[in-house]
Amino acid sequence: MTELLKAEHLYKQYPGFTLQDVSFSVKPGRIMGLIGKNGAGKSTTLKSILNMVRPTSGTVTMLGKDFFRCEKECKQKIGVVFGGTDFYPLKKLSSITAVTRQFYPDWDQKKYESYLTQFDLDETKQFRSLSSGMKVKYLLALALSHDAQLYILDEPTSGLDPVSRDELLHIFIRIVRDKKRAVLFSTHITSDLDRCADDITYIQNGHVLKSADKETFIRSFEHLKSPDDIKPLTLEDIMLRTERRLDDETAL
């Protein structure tokens, strides 16, 4: 299998916004970062891939299968975390987990319990009592506990303190070490991607501006460097300067 995920020519139209001709692929053993400013289409891209919103057109191949035809089968082998997800607020974590694990034949209770310990989660607590960061950790504990091959995460490090973010990035790196699994995650914290990403896809105004391995990606924006730049551009530099140039062109 050359790719665990391949999105081709995805379109999704809303009043005032269009996701247009989005194509990229995620290979085993790789961590791909999805970047773009707020409102660029990152979350819409991920939701379109997962059929959480139905794309107007386009195809998604996941784990070698047509995702829209084999959605249930594919979802058994992926781990998904979306920021802002709220379960029943009054339910204890133990109750939520008891329901969730029934959907996954490959659920690993020992692994789940190890993540509870690692993330310092108390199953007797109600979901509503968790901080934003702890809610993300709980969602990650669920996603990481059923032998997924592909992880799709929307802003997974948002709301986490620096130590927890560092811990999470090391988990991502460990996940892909066997060269059989992959991670795709969107984030506005580009410094996280500077540290762990193998590939970058940059969404701007609903279309893919560039998708490539990280070194090639950074080199392709060398034209944005100024004479005062001694070090290579960071992903944050690239985003800031690209968006500023776009704003300048729009203003003309």
C-alpha atoms as a PDB file:
ATOM      1  CA  MET A   1       0.000   0.000   0.000  1.00  0.00           C
ATOM      2  CA  THR A   2       1.649   3.251  -1.137  1.00  0.00           C
ATOM      3  CA  GLU A   3      -0.718   5.559   0.775  1.00  0.00           C
ATOM      4  CA  LEU A   4      -2.903   5.185   3.821  1.00  0.00           C
ATOM      5  CA  LEU A   5      -4.926   8.186   2.702  1.00  0.00           C
ATOM      6  CA  LYS A   6      -5.385   9.795  -0.697  1.00  0.00           C
ATOM      7  CA  ALA A   7      -7.743  12.729  -1.211  1.00  0.00           C
ATOM      8  CA  GLU A   8      -8.340  13.710  -4.829  1.00  0.00           C
ATOM      9  CA  HIS A   9     -10.082  16.795  -6.182  1.00  0.00           C
ATOM     10  CA  LEU A  10     -12.276  17.423  -3.170  1.00  0.00           C
ATOM     11  CA  TYR A  11     -14.826  20.200  -3.582  1.00  0.00           C
ATOM     12  CA  LYS A  12     -17.224  21.446  -0.930  1.00  0.00           C
ATOM     13  CA  GLN A  13     -19.265  24.599  -1.457  1.00  0.00           C
ATOM     14  CA  TYR A  14     -20.828  26.758   1.225  1.00  0.00           C
ATOM     15  CA  PRO A  15     -22.303  30.248   0.902  1.00  0.00           C
ATOM     16  CA  GLY A  16     -19.256  32.487   0.885  1.00  0.00           C
ATOM     17  CA  PHE A  17     -16.653  29.700   0.944  1.00  0.00           C
ATOM     18  CA  THR A  18     -15.545  26.917  -1.393  1.00  0.00           C
ATOM     19  CA  LEU A  19     -13.134  24.098  -0.765  1.00  0.00           C
ATOM     20  CA  GLN A  20     -11.702  23.647  -4.236  1.00  0.00           C
ATOM     21  CA  ASP A  21      -9.737  20.828  -5.866  1.00  0.00           C
ATOM     22  CA  VAL A  22      -8.026  19.680  -2.660  1.00  0.00           C
ATOM     23  CA  SER A  23      -5.635  16.790  -3.323  1.00  0.00           C
ATOM     24  CA  PHE A  24      -2.882  15.268  -1.192  1.00  0.00           C
ATOM     25  CA  SER A  25      -1.803  11.894   0.182  1.00  0.00           C
ATOM     26  CA  VAL A  26      -0.458  10.505   3.458  1.00  0.00           C
ATOM     27  CA  LYS A  27       1.989   7.605   3.397  1.00  0.00           C
ATOM     28  CA  PRO A  28       2.799   5.018   6.083  1.00  0.00           C
ATOM     29  CA  GLY A  29       5.489   6.028   8.561  1.00  0.00           C
ATOM     30  CA  ARG A  30       4.823   9.737   8.042  1.00  0.00           C
ATOM     31  CA  ILE A  31       3.417  12.614  10.066  1.00  0.00           C
ATOM     32  CA  MET A  32       1.678  15.217   7.914  1.00  0.00           C
ATOM     33  CA  GLY A  33       0.843  18.663   9.230  1.00  0.00           C
ATOM     34  CA  LEU A  34      -2.097  20.545   7.739  1.00  0.00           C
ATOM     35  CA  ILE A  35      -1.561  24.292   8.066  1.00  0.00           C
ATOM     36  CA  GLY A  36      -3.435  27.438   7.112  1.00  0.00           C
ATOM     37  CA  LYS A  37      -4.908  30.439   8.852  1.00  0.00           C
ATOM     38  CA  ASN A  38      -8.293  30.267  10.587  1.00  0.00           C
ATOM     39  CA  GLY A  39     -11.055  29.892   8.013  1.00  0.00           C
ATOM     40  CA  ALA A  40      -8.713  28.612   5.283  1.00  0.00           C
ATOM     41  CA  GLY A  41     -10.487  25.240   5.091  1.00  0.00           C
ATOM     42  CA  LYS A  42      -8.458  22.900   7.312  1.00  0.00           C
ATOM     43  CA  SER A  43     -11.385  21.578   9.341  1.00  0.00           C
ATOM     44  CA  THR A  44     -13.630  21.417   6.264  1.00  0.00           C
ATOM     45  CA  THR A  45     -10.958  19.348   4.528  1.00  0.00           C
ATOM     46  CA  LEU A  46     -10.750  16.867   7.385  1.00  0.00           C
ATOM     47  CA  LYS A  47     -14.538  16.672   7.748  1.00  0.00           C
ATOM     48  CA  SER A  48     -14.895  16.124   3.993  1.00  0.00           C
ATOM     49  CA  ILE A  49     -12.337  13.320   4.112  1.00  0.00           C
ATOM     50  CA  LEU A  50     -14.293  11.656   6.928  1.00  0.00           C
ATOM     51  CA  ASN A  51     -17.707  12.279   5.308  1.00  0.00           C
ATOM     52  CA  MET A  52     -18.749  14.347   8.308  1.00  0.00           C
ATOM     53  CA  VAL A  53     -19.744  16.853   5.650  1.00  0.00           C
ATOM     54  CA  ARG A  54     -20.467  15.358   2.237  1.00  0.00           C
ATOM     55  CA  PRO A  55     -18.077  16.703  -0.416  1.00  0.00           C
ATOM     56  CA  THR A  56     -19.719  18.145  -3.511  1.00  0.00           C
ATOM     57  CA  SER A  57     -17.290  16.036  -5.549  1.00  0.00           C
ATOM     58  CA  GLY A  58     -13.979  14.233  -5.249  1.00  0.00           C
ATOM     59  CA  THR A  59     -12.736  10.879  -3.972  1.00  0.00           C
ATOM     60  CA  VAL A  60     -11.094   9.614  -0.796  1.00  0.00           C
ATOM     61  CA  THR A  61      -9.094   6.393  -0.737  1.00  0.00           C
ATOM     62  CA  MET A  62      -8.329   5.191   2.769  1.00  0.00           C
ATOM     63  CA  LEU A  63      -6.369   2.046   3.648  1.00  0.00           C
ATOM     64  CA  GLY A  64      -6.597   1.039  -0.002  1.00  0.00           C
ATOM     65  CA  LYS A  65     -10.412   1.289  -0.128  1.00  0.00           C
ATOM     66  CA  ASP A  66     -12.953   3.767  -1.448  1.00  0.00           C
ATOM     67  CA  PHE A  67     -13.841   5.460   1.815  1.00  0.00           C
ATOM     68  CA  PHE A  68     -17.339   6.536   0.822  1.00  0.00           C
ATOM     69  CA  ARG A  69     -18.217   2.945  -0.116  1.00  0.00           C
ATOM     70  CA  CYS A  70     -16.414   1.265   2.782  1.00  0.00           C
ATOM     71  CA  GLU A  71     -16.863   3.925   5.443  1.00  0.00           C
ATOM     72  CA  LYS A  72     -17.763   1.619   8.343  1.00  0.00           C
ATOM     73  CA  GLU A  73     -14.888  -0.761   7.617  1.00  0.00           C
ATOM     74  CA  CYS A  74     -12.357   2.062   7.265  1.00  0.00           C
ATOM     75  CA  LYS A  75     -13.465   3.787  10.455  1.00  0.00           C
ATOM     76  CA  GLN A  76     -12.602   0.657  12.431  1.00  0.00           C
ATOM     77  CA  LYS A  77      -8.943   1.328  11.623  1.00  0.00           C
ATOM     78  CA  ILE A  78      -8.663   5.081  12.137  1.00  0.00           C
ATOM     79  CA  GLY A  79      -8.389   7.240  15.234  1.00  0.00           C
ATOM     80  CA  VAL A  80     -10.080  10.639  15.072  1.00  0.00           C
ATOM     81  CA  VAL A  81      -9.932  13.624  17.412  1.00  0.00           C
ATOM     82  CA  PHE A  82     -11.698  16.908  16.732  1.00  0.00           C
ATOM     83  CA  GLY A  83     -11.336  19.868  19.055  1.00  0.00           C
ATOM     84  CA  GLY A  84     -14.571  21.118  20.556  1.00  0.00           C
ATOM     85  CA  THR A  85     -16.116  17.640  20.680  1.00  0.00           C
ATOM     86  CA  ASP A  86     -18.484  17.335  23.646  1.00  0.00           C
ATOM     87  CA  PHE A  87     -19.903  14.094  24.951  1.00  0.00           C
ATOM     88  CA  TYR A  88     -22.831  13.971  27.334  1.00  0.00           C
ATOM     89  CA  PRO A  89     -21.499  16.429  29.924  1.00  0.00           C
ATOM     90  CA  LEU A  90     -22.966  14.668  32.958  1.00  0.00           C
ATOM     91  CA  LYS A  91     -21.636  11.214  32.021  1.00  0.00           C
ATOM     92  CA  LYS A  92     -18.554   9.842  33.735  1.00  0.00           C
ATOM     93  CA  LEU A  93     -15.582   8.988  31.539  1.00  0.00           C
ATOM     94  CA  SER A  94     -15.989   5.319  32.434  1.00  0.00           C
ATOM     95  CA  SER A  95     -19.515   5.315  31.002  1.00  0.00           C
ATOM     96  CA  ILE A  96     -18.436   7.042  27.795  1.00  0.00           C
ATOM     97  CA  THR A  97     -15.567   4.577  27.357  1.00  0.00           C
ATOM     98  CA  ALA A  98     -17.841   1.584  27.950  1.00  0.00           C
ATOM     99  CA  VAL A  99     -20.012   2.666  25.013  1.00  0.00           C
ATOM    100  CA  THR A 100     -17.121   3.715  22.761  1.00  0.00           C
ATOM    101  CA  ARG A 101     -15.151   0.473  23.009  1.00  0.00           C
ATOM    102  CA  GLN A 102     -18.128  -1.547  21.751  1.00  0.00           C
ATOM    103  CA  PHE A 103     -17.586  -0.026  18.299  1.00  0.00           C
ATOM    104  CA  TYR A 104     -14.012  -1.331  18.013  1.00  0.00           C
ATOM    105  CA  PRO A 105     -13.290  -5.089  17.821  1.00  0.00           C
ATOM    106  CA  ASP A 106      -9.570  -4.357  18.308  1.00  0.00           C
ATOM    107  CA  TRP A 107     -10.059  -2.319  21.478  1.00  0.00           C
ATOM    108  CA  ASP A 108      -7.025  -2.695  23.789  1.00  0.00           C
ATOM    109  CA  GLN A 109      -8.104  -2.105  27.384  1.00  0.00           C
ATOM    110  CA  LYS A 110      -4.563  -2.333  28.770  1.00  0.00           C
ATOM    111  CA  LYS A 111      -3.336   0.298  26.329  1.00  0.00           C
ATOM    112  CA  TYR A 112      -6.296   2.511  27.193  1.00  0.00           C
ATOM    113  CA  GLU A 113      -5.563   2.209  30.901  1.00  0.00           C
ATOM    114  CA  SER A 114      -1.908   3.065  30.291  1.00  0.00           C
ATOM    115  CA  TYR A 115      -2.955   6.285  28.549  1.00  0.00           C
ATOM    116  CA  LEU A 116      -5.290   7.121  31.436  1.00  0.00           C
ATOM    117  CA  THR A 117      -2.272   6.889  33.726  1.00  0.00           C
ATOM    118  CA  GLN A 118       0.035   8.754  31.361  1.00  0.00           C
ATOM    119  CA  PHE A 119      -2.469  11.591  30.861  1.00  0.00           C
ATOM    120  CA  ASP A 120      -3.467  11.634  34.549  1.00  0.00           C
ATOM    121  CA  LEU A 121      -7.144  11.047  33.741  1.00  0.00           C
ATOM    122  CA  ASP A 122      -9.687  10.019  36.362  1.00  0.00           C
ATOM    123  CA  GLU A 123     -12.471   7.846  34.913  1.00  0.00           C
ATOM    124  CA  THR A 124     -14.812   8.684  37.783  1.00  0.00           C
ATOM    125  CA  LYS A 125     -14.997  12.328  36.708  1.00  0.00           C
ATOM    126  CA  GLN A 126     -17.811  13.757  34.618  1.00  0.00           C
ATOM    127  CA  PHE A 127     -16.818  14.925  31.165  1.00  0.00           C
ATOM    128  CA  ARG A 128     -17.966  18.474  31.901  1.00  0.00           C
ATOM    129  CA  SER A 129     -15.538  18.738  34.824  1.00  0.00           C
ATOM    130  CA  LEU A 130     -12.480  18.356  32.562  1.00  0.00           C
ATOM    131  CA  SER A 131     -10.493  21.345  31.370  1.00  0.00           C
ATOM    132  CA  SER A 132     -10.201  21.887  27.618  1.00  0.00           C
ATOM    133  CA  GLY A 133      -6.745  20.332  27.631  1.00  0.00           C
ATOM    134  CA  MET A 134      -7.880  17.287  29.628  1.00  0.00           C
ATOM    135  CA  LYS A 135     -10.829  16.762  27.276  1.00  0.00           C
ATOM    136  CA  VAL A 136      -8.362  16.575  24.384  1.00  0.00           C
ATOM    137  CA  LYS A 137      -6.250  14.075  26.336  1.00  0.00           C
ATOM    138  CA  TYR A 138      -9.293  11.903  26.980  1.00  0.00           C
ATOM    139  CA  LEU A 139     -10.282  11.949  23.303  1.00  0.00           C
ATOM    140  CA  LEU A 140      -6.712  10.998  22.423  1.00  0.00           C
ATOM    141  CA  ALA A 141      -6.759   8.129  24.914  1.00  0.00           C
ATOM    142  CA  LEU A 142      -9.836   6.751  23.126  1.00  0.00           C
ATOM    143  CA  ALA A 143      -8.336   7.272  19.660  1.00  0.00           C
ATOM    144  CA  LEU A 144      -5.045   5.601  20.578  1.00  0.00           C
ATOM    145  CA  SER A 145      -6.568   2.462  22.101  1.00  0.00           C
ATOM    146  CA  HIS A 146      -7.956   0.431  19.207  1.00  0.00           C
ATOM    147  CA  ASP A 147      -4.976  -0.368  16.972  1.00  0.00           C
ATOM    148  CA  ALA A 148      -5.677   2.292  14.346  1.00  0.00           C
ATOM    149  CA  GLN A 149      -3.481   2.584  11.268  1.00  0.00           C
ATOM    150  CA  LEU A 150      -4.318   6.205  10.494  1.00  0.00           C
ATOM    151  CA  TYR A 151      -4.851   9.071  12.934  1.00  0.00           C
ATOM    152  CA  ILE A 152      -6.736  12.177  11.808  1.00  0.00           C
ATOM    153  CA  LEU A 153      -6.583  14.970  14.355  1.00  0.00           C
ATOM    154  CA  ASP A 154      -7.903  18.527  14.252  1.00  0.00           C
ATOM    155  CA  GLU A 155      -5.933  20.910  16.498  1.00  0.00           C
ATOM    156  CA  PRO A 156      -4.940  18.124  18.932  1.00  0.00           C
ATOM    157  CA  THR A 157      -2.377  20.263  20.781  1.00  0.00           C
ATOM    158  CA  SER A 158      -4.694  23.248  21.226  1.00  0.00           C
ATOM    159  CA  GLY A 159      -5.311  23.978  24.900  1.00  0.00           C
ATOM    160  CA  LEU A 160      -2.443  21.792  26.086  1.00  0.00           C
ATOM    161  CA  ASP A 161       0.395  23.146  28.204  1.00  0.00           C
ATOM    162  CA  PRO A 162       3.923  22.973  26.700  1.00  0.00           C
ATOM    163  CA  VAL A 163       4.839  19.808  28.634  1.00  0.00           C
ATOM    164  CA  SER A 164       1.681  17.996  27.475  1.00  0.00           C
ATOM    165  CA  ARG A 165       2.231  19.178  23.897  1.00  0.00           C
ATOM    166  CA  ASP A 166       5.754  17.802  23.962  1.00  0.00           C
ATOM    167  CA  GLU A 167       4.439  14.525  25.364  1.00  0.00           C
ATOM    168  CA  LEU A 168       1.875  14.293  22.571  1.00  0.00           C
ATOM    169  CA  LEU A 169       4.399  14.957  19.807  1.00  0.00           C
ATOM    170  CA  HIS A 170       6.566  12.135  21.141  1.00  0.00           C
ATOM    171  CA  ILE A 171       3.513   9.853  21.004  1.00  0.00           C
ATOM    172  CA  PHE A 172       2.985  10.781  17.339  1.00  0.00           C
ATOM    173  CA  ILE A 173       6.621  10.043  16.547  1.00  0.00           C
ATOM    174  CA  ARG A 174       6.375   6.694  18.333  1.00  0.00           C
ATOM    175  CA  ILE A 175       3.153   5.784  16.474  1.00  0.00           C
ATOM    176  CA  VAL A 176       4.749   6.051  13.023  1.00  0.00           C
ATOM    177  CA  ARG A 177       8.036   4.405  13.970  1.00  0.00           C
ATOM    178  CA  ASP A 178       6.902   0.981  12.728  1.00  0.00           C
ATOM    179  CA  LYS A 179       6.414   2.462   9.216  1.00  0.00           C
ATOM    180  CA  LYS A 180       2.888   1.005   9.091  1.00  0.00           C
ATOM    181  CA  ARG A 181       0.897   3.887  10.571  1.00  0.00           C
ATOM    182  CA  ALA A 182       0.512   7.572   9.815  1.00  0.00           C
ATOM    183  CA  VAL A 183      -0.698  10.775  11.459  1.00  0.00           C
ATOM    184  CA  LEU A 184      -2.477  13.683   9.781  1.00  0.00           C
ATOM    185  CA  PHE A 185      -3.149  16.661  11.989  1.00  0.00           C
ATOM    186  CA  SER A 186      -4.110  20.252  11.525  1.00  0.00           C
ATOM    187  CA  THR A 187      -2.687  22.911  13.801  1.00  0.00           C
ATOM    188  CA  HIS A 188      -2.062  26.619  14.075  1.00  0.00           C
ATOM    189  CA  ILE A 189       0.919  25.919  16.378  1.00  0.00           C
ATOM    190  CA  THR A 190       3.429  25.545  13.572  1.00  0.00           C
ATOM    191  CA  SER A 191       6.372  25.168  15.966  1.00  0.00           C
ATOM    192  CA  ASP A 192       4.988  21.688  16.770  1.00  0.00           C
ATOM    193  CA  LEU A 193       5.287  20.768  13.098  1.00  0.00           C
ATOM    194  CA  ASP A 194       8.811  22.166  12.889  1.00  0.00           C
ATOM    195  CA  ARG A 195       9.673  19.530  15.474  1.00  0.00           C
ATOM    196  CA  CYS A 196       7.801  16.431  14.331  1.00  0.00           C
ATOM    197  CA  ALA A 197       6.260  16.667  10.842  1.00  0.00           C
ATOM    198  CA  ASP A 198       7.618  14.788   7.829  1.00  0.00           C
ATOM    199  CA  ASP A 199       5.241  16.409   5.333  1.00  0.00           C
ATOM    200  CA  ILE A 200       3.282  19.665   5.137  1.00  0.00           C
ATOM    201  CA  THR A 201       0.077  20.550   3.301  1.00  0.00           C
ATOM    202  CA  TYR A 202      -0.742  24.260   3.220  1.00  0.00           C
ATOM    203  CA  ILE A 203      -4.382  25.219   2.659  1.00  0.00           C
ATOM    204  CA  GLN A 204      -5.048  28.817   1.627  1.00  0.00           C
ATOM    205  CA  ASN A 205      -8.523  30.160   0.844  1.00  0.00           C
ATOM    206  CA  GLY A 206      -9.927  26.689   0.255  1.00  0.00           C
ATOM    207  CA  HIS A 207      -7.231  25.277  -2.030  1.00  0.00           C
ATOM    208  CA  VAL A 208      -3.893  23.521  -1.569  1.00  0.00           C
ATOM    209  CA  LEU A 209      -1.108  26.023  -2.032  1.00  0.00           C
ATOM    210  CA  LYS A 210       1.613  23.415  -1.547  1.00  0.00           C
ATOM    211  CA  SER A 211       1.911  19.810  -0.353  1.00  0.00           C
ATOM    212  CA  ALA A 212       5.344  18.216  -0.038  1.00  0.00           C
ATOM    213  CA  ASP A 213       7.853  16.713   2.351  1.00  0.00           C
ATOM    214  CA  LYS A 214       8.912  19.347   4.873  1.00  0.00           C
ATOM    215  CA  GLU A 215      12.359  20.081   3.432  1.00  0.00           C
ATOM    216  CA  THR A 216      11.023  20.479  -0.110  1.00  0.00           C
ATOM    217  CA  PHE A 217       8.129  22.546   1.210  1.00  0.00           C
ATOM    218  CA  ILE A 218      10.410  25.006   3.014  1.00  0.00           C
ATOM    219  CA  ARG A 219      12.783  25.269   0.033  1.00  0.00           C
ATOM    220  CA  SER A 220       9.882  26.129  -2.261  1.00  0.00           C
ATOM    221  CA  PHE A 221       9.298  29.327  -0.261  1.00  0.00           C
ATOM    222  CA  GLU A 222      12.904  30.539  -0.346  1.00  0.00           C
ATOM    223  CA  HIS A 223      11.758  33.472  -2.473  1.00  0.00           C
ATOM    224  CA  LEU A 224      10.118  34.905   0.653  1.00  0.00           C
ATOM    225  CA  LYS A 225      13.449  35.331   2.430  1.00  0.00           C
ATOM    226  CA  SER A 226      14.829  38.813   2.982  1.00  0.00           C
ATOM    227  CA  PRO A 227      18.535  39.759   2.908  1.00  0.00           C
ATOM    228  CA  ASP A 228      18.432  39.861   6.708  1.00  0.00           C
ATOM    229  CA  ASP A 229      17.370  36.226   7.018  1.00  0.00           C
ATOM    230  CA  ILE A 230      20.355  34.127   8.042  1.00  0.00           C
ATOM    231  CA  LYS A 231      18.548  31.013   9.248  1.00  0.00           C
ATOM    232  CA  PRO A 232      16.131  28.925   7.164  1.00  0.00           C
ATOM    233  CA  LEU A 233      12.524  30.064   7.228  1.00  0.00           C
ATOM    234  CA  THR A 234      10.258  28.418   9.778  1.00  0.00           C
ATOM    235  CA  LEU A 235       6.745  27.297   8.936  1.00  0.00           C
ATOM    236  CA  GLU A 236       5.463  30.295  10.881  1.00  0.00           C
ATOM    237  CA  ASP A 237       7.639  32.626   8.788  1.00  0.00           C
ATOM    238  CA  ILE A 238       6.275  31.061   5.606  1.00  0.00           C
ATOM    239  CA  MET A 239       2.655  31.372   6.678  1.00  0.00           C
ATOM    240  CA  LEU A 240       2.974  34.955   7.918  1.00  0.00           C
ATOM    241  CA  ARG A 241       4.770  36.181   4.808  1.00  0.00           C
ATOM    242  CA  THR A 242       2.552  34.275   2.377  1.00  0.00           C
ATOM    243  CA  GLU A 243      -0.654  35.530   3.987  1.00  0.00           C
ATOM    244  CA  ARG A 244       0.714  39.069   4.144  1.00  0.00           C
ATOM    245  CA  ARG A 245       1.563  38.946   0.440  1.00  0.00           C
ATOM    246  CA  LEU A 246      -1.930  37.655  -0.344  1.00  0.00           C
ATOM    247  CA  ASP A 247      -3.488  40.467   1.708  1.00  0.00           C
ATOM    248  CA  ASP A 248      -1.352  43.029  -0.124  1.00  0.00           C
ATOM    249  CA  GLU A 249      -2.377  41.639  -3.510  1.00  0.00           C
ATOM    250  CA  THR A 250      -6.033  41.616  -2.504  1.00  0.00           C
ATOM    251  CA  ALA A 251      -5.830  45.230  -1.379  1.00  0.00           C
ATOM    252  CA  LEU A 252      -4.509  46.382  -4.764  1.00  0.00           C
END
